[in-house]
Amino acid sequence: MLKIRLQRTGRINSPSYRVIVTEHARGPKTGNFLEVVGTYDPKTKARKLDADRIKYWISVGAQPSATMHNMLISAGITTGKKINVLPTMVVAPTPVEEPKAEEQKVIAPADEVVATEMPADTEVVAEKAE
């Protein structure tokens, strides 16, 4: 499958890109591309795109990358909806707290509960240990 994608060129901290048509399995840095169909400079936002050649390659079956798809829509070469190319934010799952041991006790029905009472004549005396 053919891809229309960006190939980075330029120095460190001074990027510029070529818009190339290449096989999707080949990396963009290999230099094995079929045709250069434009350029893009992100610092000045200048882009030169050969609209006729891009339309030809799309008609032949080439698929633009997500970034190129958005760029082609902005330039008016193709129509459609833009694709969100930013990574999705993944929220870390909150740990589920297990119920405490006291909460896990099963309360017996009222019929089985036997109340133990102390006789009224018994005195409870607290003695101090010396």
N, C-alpha and C. Protein backbone atom coordinates (compact mmCIF):
# COMPACT_ATOMS: atom_id res chain seq x y z
N MET A 1 0.84 -1.18 0.00
CA MET A 1 0.00 0.00 0.00
C MET A 1 0.89 1.24 0.00
N LEU A 2 0.52 2.20 -0.78
CA LEU A 2 1.29 3.45 -0.87
C LEU A 2 0.81 4.43 0.18
N LYS A 3 1.75 5.21 0.70
CA LYS A 3 1.46 6.22 1.71
C LYS A 3 1.99 7.57 1.24
N ILE A 4 1.24 8.61 1.55
CA ILE A 4 1.73 9.98 1.39
C ILE A 4 2.07 10.44 2.79
N ARG A 5 3.35 10.71 3.02
CA ARG A 5 3.80 11.04 4.38
C ARG A 5 4.88 12.09 4.35
N LEU A 6 5.26 12.53 5.55
CA LEU A 6 6.31 13.53 5.69
C LEU A 6 7.64 12.84 5.92
N GLN A 7 8.69 13.39 5.31
CA GLN A 7 10.06 12.92 5.53
C GLN A 7 10.84 14.09 6.10
N ARG A 8 11.39 13.90 7.30
CA ARG A 8 12.10 14.99 7.95
C ARG A 8 13.46 15.21 7.30
N THR A 9 13.76 16.47 7.05
CA THR A 9 15.07 16.87 6.56
C THR A 9 15.48 18.08 7.38
N GLY A 10 16.67 18.55 7.19
CA GLY A 10 17.10 19.74 7.92
C GLY A 10 18.01 19.39 9.08
N ARG A 11 18.51 20.43 9.71
CA ARG A 11 19.46 20.25 10.82
C ARG A 11 18.74 20.04 12.13
N ILE A 12 19.54 19.85 13.17
CA ILE A 12 19.01 19.76 14.52
C ILE A 12 18.40 21.11 14.88
N ASN A 13 17.23 21.09 15.48
CA ASN A 13 16.48 22.29 15.88
C ASN A 13 16.07 23.18 14.70
N SER A 14 16.19 22.69 13.51
CA SER A 14 15.73 23.44 12.34
C SER A 14 15.05 22.46 11.39
N PRO A 15 13.87 21.97 11.74
CA PRO A 15 13.24 20.95 10.91
C PRO A 15 12.63 21.51 9.64
N SER A 16 12.62 20.70 8.62
CA SER A 16 11.84 20.94 7.41
C SER A 16 11.46 19.56 6.89
N TYR A 17 10.41 19.49 6.14
CA TYR A 17 9.88 18.20 5.72
C TYR A 17 9.65 18.17 4.22
N ARG A 18 9.82 16.99 3.64
CA ARG A 18 9.41 16.71 2.28
C ARG A 18 8.11 15.92 2.37
N VAL A 19 7.22 16.16 1.45
CA VAL A 19 6.02 15.35 1.33
C VAL A 19 6.32 14.32 0.25
N ILE A 20 6.33 13.04 0.64
CA ILE A 20 6.74 12.00 -0.29
C ILE A 20 5.66 10.94 -0.43
N VAL A 21 5.75 10.19 -1.52
CA VAL A 21 4.91 9.01 -1.74
C VAL A 21 5.84 7.81 -1.66
N THR A 22 5.52 6.88 -0.75
CA THR A 22 6.38 5.72 -0.54
C THR A 22 5.55 4.51 -0.17
N GLU A 23 6.16 3.36 -0.20
CA GLU A 23 5.52 2.13 0.25
C GLU A 23 5.37 2.21 1.76
N HIS A 24 4.25 1.75 2.30
CA HIS A 24 3.98 1.94 3.73
C HIS A 24 4.95 1.17 4.62
N ALA A 25 5.52 0.09 4.13
CA ALA A 25 6.43 -0.71 4.96
C ALA A 25 7.82 -0.08 5.05
N ARG A 26 8.17 0.77 4.13
CA ARG A 26 9.48 1.41 4.15
C ARG A 26 9.46 2.60 5.09
N GLY A 27 10.53 2.78 5.80
CA GLY A 27 10.65 3.95 6.68
C GLY A 27 10.84 5.19 5.85
N PRO A 28 10.40 6.33 6.35
CA PRO A 28 10.53 7.56 5.57
C PRO A 28 11.97 8.03 5.43
N LYS A 29 12.85 7.57 6.29
CA LYS A 29 14.24 8.03 6.22
C LYS A 29 15.11 7.20 5.28
N THR A 30 14.59 6.12 4.71
CA THR A 30 15.40 5.24 3.88
C THR A 30 15.83 5.88 2.58
N GLY A 31 15.06 6.83 2.08
CA GLY A 31 15.39 7.45 0.80
C GLY A 31 14.76 6.72 -0.36
N ASN A 32 14.09 5.61 -0.10
CA ASN A 32 13.43 4.85 -1.16
C ASN A 32 11.99 5.32 -1.29
N PHE A 33 11.78 6.40 -1.99
CA PHE A 33 10.43 6.90 -2.20
C PHE A 33 10.17 7.02 -3.68
N LEU A 34 8.91 7.07 -4.05
CA LEU A 34 8.55 7.12 -5.46
C LEU A 34 8.60 8.53 -6.03
N GLU A 35 8.11 9.49 -5.22
CA GLU A 35 8.05 10.86 -5.74
C GLU A 35 7.95 11.85 -4.59
N VAL A 36 8.56 13.02 -4.79
CA VAL A 36 8.41 14.13 -3.86
C VAL A 36 7.28 15.00 -4.40
N VAL A 37 6.23 15.19 -3.58
CA VAL A 37 5.06 15.95 -4.05
C VAL A 37 4.89 17.27 -3.31
N GLY A 38 5.85 17.65 -2.46
CA GLY A 38 5.74 18.93 -1.78
C GLY A 38 6.75 19.08 -0.67
N THR A 39 6.71 20.24 -0.02
CA THR A 39 7.58 20.52 1.12
C THR A 39 6.76 21.24 2.19
N TYR A 40 7.30 21.20 3.41
CA TYR A 40 6.63 21.86 4.54
C TYR A 40 7.69 22.35 5.51
N ASP A 41 7.59 23.62 5.90
CA ASP A 41 8.49 24.21 6.89
C ASP A 41 7.65 24.60 8.10
N PRO A 42 7.77 23.86 9.23
CA PRO A 42 6.92 24.14 10.39
C PRO A 42 7.22 25.45 11.10
N LYS A 43 8.42 25.97 10.95
CA LYS A 43 8.75 27.24 11.63
C LYS A 43 8.03 28.42 10.98
N THR A 44 8.03 28.46 9.66
CA THR A 44 7.36 29.56 8.96
C THR A 44 5.95 29.18 8.50
N LYS A 45 5.56 27.92 8.72
CA LYS A 45 4.27 27.38 8.29
C LYS A 45 4.09 27.43 6.78
N ALA A 46 5.21 27.51 6.04
CA ALA A 46 5.15 27.55 4.59
C ALA A 46 5.07 26.12 4.06
N ARG A 47 4.15 25.92 3.11
CA ARG A 47 4.04 24.60 2.49
C ARG A 47 3.81 24.77 1.00
N LYS A 48 4.48 23.93 0.25
CA LYS A 48 4.31 23.89 -1.20
C LYS A 48 3.86 22.47 -1.53
N LEU A 49 2.64 22.35 -2.00
CA LEU A 49 2.09 21.04 -2.32
C LEU A 49 1.67 21.03 -3.79
N ASP A 50 2.04 19.96 -4.50
CA ASP A 50 1.64 19.78 -5.89
C ASP A 50 0.29 19.08 -5.88
N ALA A 51 -0.78 19.86 -5.95
CA ALA A 51 -2.14 19.33 -5.79
C ALA A 51 -2.48 18.30 -6.85
N ASP A 52 -2.06 18.53 -8.09
CA ASP A 52 -2.40 17.58 -9.16
C ASP A 52 -1.77 16.22 -8.92
N ARG A 53 -0.49 16.21 -8.51
CA ARG A 53 0.18 14.93 -8.27
C ARG A 53 -0.38 14.23 -7.03
N ILE A 54 -0.74 15.01 -6.02
CA ILE A 54 -1.31 14.39 -4.80
C ILE A 54 -2.66 13.77 -5.14
N LYS A 55 -3.48 14.47 -5.91
CA LYS A 55 -4.78 13.89 -6.31
C LYS A 55 -4.58 12.64 -7.16
N TYR A 56 -3.56 12.66 -8.03
CA TYR A 56 -3.27 11.47 -8.85
C TYR A 56 -2.92 10.28 -7.96
N TRP A 57 -2.02 10.48 -7.01
CA TRP A 57 -1.60 9.37 -6.16
C TRP A 57 -2.75 8.87 -5.28
N ILE A 58 -3.60 9.75 -4.83
CA ILE A 58 -4.77 9.31 -4.06
C ILE A 58 -5.72 8.51 -4.95
N SER A 59 -5.87 8.93 -6.22
CA SER A 59 -6.75 8.18 -7.13
C SER A 59 -6.18 6.80 -7.45
N VAL A 60 -4.86 6.66 -7.41
CA VAL A 60 -4.22 5.37 -7.66
C VAL A 60 -4.35 4.45 -6.44
N GLY A 61 -4.59 5.03 -5.27
CA GLY A 61 -4.78 4.21 -4.08
C GLY A 61 -3.87 4.56 -2.92
N ALA A 62 -3.10 5.62 -3.03
CA ALA A 62 -2.21 6.01 -1.94
C ALA A 62 -3.05 6.61 -0.80
N GLN A 63 -2.69 6.27 0.41
CA GLN A 63 -3.39 6.77 1.60
C GLN A 63 -2.51 7.80 2.30
N PRO A 64 -3.03 8.99 2.60
CA PRO A 64 -2.22 9.95 3.35
C PRO A 64 -2.14 9.56 4.81
N SER A 65 -1.02 9.88 5.45
CA SER A 65 -0.90 9.67 6.89
C SER A 65 -1.88 10.63 7.58
N ALA A 66 -2.08 10.45 8.88
CA ALA A 66 -3.06 11.28 9.59
C ALA A 66 -2.67 12.76 9.53
N THR A 67 -1.39 13.07 9.72
CA THR A 67 -0.93 14.45 9.67
C THR A 67 -1.09 15.02 8.26
N MET A 68 -0.75 14.22 7.26
CA MET A 68 -0.89 14.68 5.88
C MET A 68 -2.37 14.84 5.52
N HIS A 69 -3.21 13.98 6.02
CA HIS A 69 -4.66 14.09 5.79
C HIS A 69 -5.17 15.45 6.28
N ASN A 70 -4.76 15.82 7.50
CA ASN A 70 -5.17 17.12 8.06
C ASN A 70 -4.59 18.27 7.26
N MET A 71 -3.36 18.13 6.80
CA MET A 71 -2.73 19.19 6.02
C MET A 71 -3.42 19.36 4.66
N LEU A 72 -3.80 18.25 4.04
CA LEU A 72 -4.48 18.33 2.75
C LEU A 72 -5.87 18.96 2.88
N ILE A 73 -6.54 18.71 3.99
CA ILE A 73 -7.84 19.33 4.22
C ILE A 73 -7.67 20.83 4.44
N SER A 74 -6.64 21.21 5.22
CA SER A 74 -6.38 22.64 5.47
C SER A 74 -6.03 23.38 4.19
N ALA A 75 -5.30 22.70 3.28
CA ALA A 75 -4.90 23.32 2.02
C ALA A 75 -6.04 23.34 1.01
N GLY A 76 -7.11 22.59 1.26
CA GLY A 76 -8.24 22.57 0.34
C GLY A 76 -8.08 21.57 -0.79
N ILE A 77 -7.11 20.69 -0.70
CA ILE A 77 -6.89 19.71 -1.76
C ILE A 77 -7.91 18.58 -1.66
N THR A 78 -8.22 18.15 -0.45
CA THR A 78 -9.24 17.13 -0.24
C THR A 78 -10.28 17.68 0.73
N THR A 79 -11.39 16.98 0.82
CA THR A 79 -12.43 17.38 1.75
C THR A 79 -12.64 16.25 2.76
N GLY A 80 -13.20 16.59 3.87
CA GLY A 80 -13.47 15.60 4.91
C GLY A 80 -13.29 16.20 6.27
N LYS A 81 -13.27 15.32 7.24
CA LYS A 81 -13.13 15.73 8.63
C LYS A 81 -11.69 15.50 9.06
N LYS A 82 -11.15 16.39 9.86
CA LYS A 82 -9.80 16.22 10.35
C LYS A 82 -9.73 15.08 11.36
N ILE A 83 -8.55 14.48 11.47
CA ILE A 83 -8.31 13.36 12.37
C ILE A 83 -7.52 13.88 13.56
N ASN A 84 -7.90 13.46 14.76
CA ASN A 84 -7.13 13.83 15.95
C ASN A 84 -5.88 12.97 15.99
N VAL A 85 -4.71 13.59 15.81
CA VAL A 85 -3.46 12.84 15.77
C VAL A 85 -2.75 12.83 17.12
N LEU A 86 -3.29 13.56 18.09
CA LEU A 86 -2.67 13.57 19.40
C LEU A 86 -2.97 12.27 20.13
N PRO A 87 -2.04 11.81 20.96
CA PRO A 87 -2.32 10.57 21.69
C PRO A 87 -3.44 10.78 22.70
N THR A 88 -4.22 9.73 22.92
CA THR A 88 -5.31 9.84 23.88
C THR A 88 -4.76 9.78 25.29
N MET A 89 -5.37 10.57 26.16
CA MET A 89 -4.94 10.61 27.55
C MET A 89 -5.57 9.43 28.29
N VAL A 90 -4.72 8.63 28.92
CA VAL A 90 -5.20 7.47 29.65
C VAL A 90 -5.16 7.79 31.13
N VAL A 91 -6.31 7.69 31.77
CA VAL A 91 -6.40 7.97 33.19
C VAL A 91 -6.11 6.67 33.93
N ALA A 92 -5.21 6.73 34.90
CA ALA A 92 -4.86 5.54 35.67
C ALA A 92 -6.07 5.09 36.48
N PRO A 93 -6.35 3.80 36.48
CA PRO A 93 -7.52 3.33 37.25
C PRO A 93 -7.29 3.50 38.74
N THR A 94 -8.35 3.88 39.43
CA THR A 94 -8.24 4.05 40.88
C THR A 94 -8.37 2.68 41.53
N PRO A 95 -7.57 2.40 42.55
CA PRO A 95 -7.65 1.09 43.19
C PRO A 95 -8.98 0.95 43.93
N VAL A 96 -9.55 -0.23 43.82
CA VAL A 96 -10.83 -0.50 44.47
C VAL A 96 -10.54 -0.97 45.89
N GLU A 97 -11.12 -0.27 46.84
CA GLU A 97 -10.89 -0.63 48.24
C GLU A 97 -11.78 -1.80 48.62
N GLU A 98 -11.18 -2.81 49.25
CA GLU A 98 -11.95 -3.95 49.70
C GLU A 98 -12.59 -3.60 51.04
N PRO A 99 -13.75 -4.15 51.33
CA PRO A 99 -14.39 -3.83 52.60
C PRO A 99 -13.55 -4.36 53.76
N LYS A 100 -13.58 -3.63 54.84
CA LYS A 100 -12.79 -4.02 56.01
C LYS A 100 -13.37 -5.28 56.63
N ALA A 101 -12.58 -5.92 57.48
CA ALA A 101 -13.00 -7.17 58.09
C ALA A 101 -14.26 -6.97 58.94
N GLU A 102 -14.38 -5.82 59.58
CA GLU A 102 -15.55 -5.55 60.41
C GLU A 102 -16.81 -5.46 59.57
N GLU A 103 -16.68 -4.95 58.36
CA GLU A 103 -17.82 -4.81 57.48
C GLU A 103 -18.21 -6.13 56.85
N GLN A 104 -17.30 -7.08 56.81
CA GLN A 104 -17.58 -8.36 56.19
C GLN A 104 -18.33 -9.30 57.11
N LYS A 105 -18.40 -9.03 58.41
CA LYS A 105 -19.11 -9.89 59.34
C LYS A 105 -20.59 -9.90 59.01
N VAL A 106 -21.14 -11.07 59.08
CA VAL A 106 -22.56 -11.22 58.81
C VAL A 106 -23.30 -11.07 60.12
N ILE A 107 -24.29 -10.23 60.13
CA ILE A 107 -25.07 -10.01 61.35
C ILE A 107 -26.14 -11.09 61.40
N ALA A 108 -26.21 -11.78 62.54
CA ALA A 108 -27.18 -12.85 62.72
C ALA A 108 -28.58 -12.26 62.84
N PRO A 109 -29.58 -13.03 62.43
CA PRO A 109 -30.95 -12.55 62.58
C PRO A 109 -31.31 -12.35 64.05
N ALA A 110 -32.34 -11.57 64.29
CA ALA A 110 -32.71 -11.21 65.66
C ALA A 110 -33.17 -12.42 66.48
N ASP A 111 -33.72 -13.46 65.85
CA ASP A 111 -34.19 -14.64 66.60
C ASP A 111 -33.05 -15.39 67.25
N GLU A 112 -31.89 -15.40 66.60
CA GLU A 112 -30.77 -16.19 67.11
C GLU A 112 -29.93 -15.43 68.12
N VAL A 113 -30.10 -14.16 68.21
CA VAL A 113 -29.30 -13.37 69.14
C VAL A 113 -29.87 -13.57 70.54
N VAL A 114 -28.99 -14.00 71.43
CA VAL A 114 -29.40 -14.22 72.82
C VAL A 114 -28.73 -13.15 73.65
N ALA A 115 -29.54 -12.41 74.36
CA ALA A 115 -28.99 -11.35 75.20
C ALA A 115 -28.62 -11.96 76.55
N THR A 116 -27.43 -11.66 76.99
CA THR A 116 -27.01 -12.13 78.32
C THR A 116 -26.98 -10.92 79.23
N GLU A 117 -27.69 -11.04 80.31
CA GLU A 117 -27.74 -9.95 81.27
C GLU A 117 -27.15 -10.43 82.59
N MET A 118 -26.63 -9.50 83.30
CA MET A 118 -26.09 -9.83 84.62
C MET A 118 -27.21 -9.69 85.64
N PRO A 119 -27.21 -10.54 86.64
CA PRO A 119 -28.22 -10.36 87.68
C PRO A 119 -28.03 -9.01 88.36
N ALA A 120 -29.11 -8.44 88.82
CA ALA A 120 -29.09 -7.11 89.41
C ALA A 120 -28.37 -7.08 90.75
N ASP A 121 -28.35 -8.20 91.46
CA ASP A 121 -27.73 -8.19 92.78
C ASP A 121 -26.22 -8.36 92.72
N THR A 122 -25.63 -8.60 91.57
CA THR A 122 -24.18 -8.77 91.46
C THR A 122 -23.54 -7.41 91.28
N GLU A 123 -22.48 -7.18 92.08
CA GLU A 123 -21.76 -5.92 91.97
C GLU A 123 -20.46 -6.14 91.20
N VAL A 124 -20.15 -5.19 90.40
CA VAL A 124 -18.88 -5.24 89.66
C VAL A 124 -17.96 -4.25 90.33
N VAL A 125 -16.86 -4.76 90.83
CA VAL A 125 -15.90 -3.91 91.52
C VAL A 125 -14.60 -3.97 90.76
N ALA A 126 -14.09 -2.82 90.47
CA ALA A 126 -12.81 -2.75 89.79
C ALA A 126 -11.74 -2.60 90.84
N GLU A 127 -10.83 -3.51 90.82
CA GLU A 127 -9.74 -3.46 91.79
C GLU A 127 -8.50 -2.91 91.13
N LYS A 128 -7.76 -2.13 91.87
CA LYS A 128 -6.51 -1.59 91.36
C LYS A 128 -5.41 -2.58 91.63
N ALA A 129 -4.61 -2.80 90.65
CA ALA A 129 -3.47 -3.70 90.83
C ALA A 129 -2.33 -2.88 91.37
N GLU A 130 -1.78 -3.35 92.51
CA GLU A 130 -0.68 -2.60 93.11
C GLU A 130 0.60 -3.33 92.96
